[in-house]
Protein backbone atom coordinates (compact mmCIF):
# COMPACT_ATOMS: atom_id res chain seq x y z
CA UNK A 1 129.66 85.99 70.52
CA UNK A 2 131.99 88.71 71.69
CA UNK A 3 132.70 91.68 69.45
CA UNK A 4 136.37 92.59 69.72
CA UNK A 5 137.93 95.97 69.06
CA UNK A 6 139.86 94.42 66.15
CA UNK A 7 136.56 93.27 64.59
CA UNK A 8 135.15 96.78 64.74
CA UNK A 9 138.33 98.27 63.32
CA UNK A 10 138.25 95.71 60.52
CA UNK A 11 134.62 96.58 59.70
CA UNK A 12 135.47 100.28 59.82
CA UNK A 13 138.37 99.69 57.46
CA UNK A 14 136.17 97.78 55.02
CA UNK A 15 133.60 100.59 55.18
CA UNK A 16 136.28 103.26 54.86
CA UNK A 17 135.23 104.84 58.19
CA UNK A 18 137.46 106.65 60.64
CA UNK A 19 136.16 106.05 64.16
CA UNK A 20 137.10 107.68 67.42
CA UNK A 21 137.64 105.56 70.55
CA UNK A 22 134.22 106.63 71.83
CA UNK A 23 132.57 105.60 68.55
CA UNK A 24 134.36 102.24 68.60
CA UNK A 25 133.09 101.51 72.12
CA UNK A 26 129.56 102.66 71.26
CA UNK A 27 129.49 100.62 68.06
CA UNK A 28 130.72 97.56 69.97
CA UNK A 29 127.85 97.88 72.45
CA UNK A 30 125.34 98.40 69.63
CA UNK A 31 126.57 95.39 67.65
CA UNK A 32 126.56 93.23 70.79
CA UNK A 33 122.93 94.23 71.42
CA UNK A 34 121.94 93.50 67.83
CA UNK A 35 123.55 90.05 67.94
CA UNK A 36 121.86 89.29 71.28
CA UNK A 37 118.48 90.35 69.87
CA UNK A 38 118.86 88.27 66.70
CA UNK A 39 120.10 85.25 68.65
CA UNK A 40 116.63 85.00 70.21
CA UNK A 41 115.57 83.40 66.90
CA UNK A 42 117.70 80.39 67.81
CA UNK A 43 115.24 79.63 70.63
CA UNK A 44 112.29 79.16 68.26
CA UNK A 45 111.04 75.63 67.63
CA UNK A 46 110.92 75.32 63.84
CA UNK A 47 110.50 71.54 63.59
CA UNK A 48 107.96 70.72 60.89
CA UNK A 49 107.89 74.27 59.52
CA UNK A 50 108.51 74.51 55.79
CA UNK A 51 111.07 77.13 54.77
CA UNK A 52 109.56 80.23 53.20
CA UNK A 53 111.58 81.75 50.41
CA UNK A 54 109.15 84.54 49.62
CA UNK A 55 106.15 85.78 51.48
CA UNK A 56 103.71 86.15 48.59
CA UNK A 57 103.11 84.63 45.18
CA UNK A 58 104.95 86.43 42.42
CA UNK A 59 104.44 86.19 38.71
CA UNK A 60 105.85 88.01 35.74
CA UNK A 61 103.56 90.48 34.03
CA UNK A 62 104.15 90.33 30.32
CA UNK A 63 102.93 92.87 27.82
CA UNK A 64 103.51 93.47 24.17
CA UNK A 65 106.53 95.64 23.47
CA UNK A 66 105.31 98.37 21.18
CA UNK A 67 106.83 101.59 19.94
CA UNK A 68 104.62 104.59 20.63
CA UNK A 69 104.74 107.85 18.75
CA UNK A 70 106.61 110.56 20.69
CA UNK A 71 105.72 114.24 20.74
CA UNK A 72 109.35 115.40 20.55
CA UNK A 73 111.59 114.76 17.58
CA UNK A 74 115.27 113.89 17.77
CA UNK A 75 116.13 117.41 16.64
CA UNK A 76 113.95 118.96 19.36
CA UNK A 77 115.65 116.86 22.04
CA UNK A 78 119.16 117.55 20.73
CA UNK A 79 118.38 121.27 20.77
CA UNK A 80 117.89 121.04 24.57
CA UNK A 81 121.41 119.82 25.28
CA UNK A 82 124.56 121.91 25.65
CA UNK A 83 126.85 119.41 23.96
CA UNK A 84 125.95 117.43 20.86
CA UNK A 85 128.16 115.48 18.49
CA UNK A 86 127.25 113.29 15.51
CA UNK A 87 123.54 113.69 16.17
CA UNK A 88 123.92 112.38 19.76
CA UNK A 89 124.05 113.98 23.21
CA UNK A 90 127.64 114.27 24.44
CA UNK A 91 128.09 113.65 28.16
CA UNK A 92 131.16 113.74 30.43
CA UNK A 93 133.18 110.55 30.69
CA UNK A 94 132.23 108.51 33.77
CA UNK A 95 134.69 105.95 35.08
């Protein structure tokens, strides 16, 4: 698979990168090498090998959800903040 200059520019655009000509050429060589390295997997004989979806057995660990007594009261915590409104911590709007 050949990596074209347009492909690199498209990837750079999607990533919001500005690349110089030197960086475009270098990235093209790097991507070509990565694809060549990964394509070696195509040479493996995988007949009769079951697909592995995860490498080790996983299980959920369940515990009782319990409310523990806290050392700090609501008033103590609100006293630590700079901005407080209606008994809650006021934070800047994040969009």
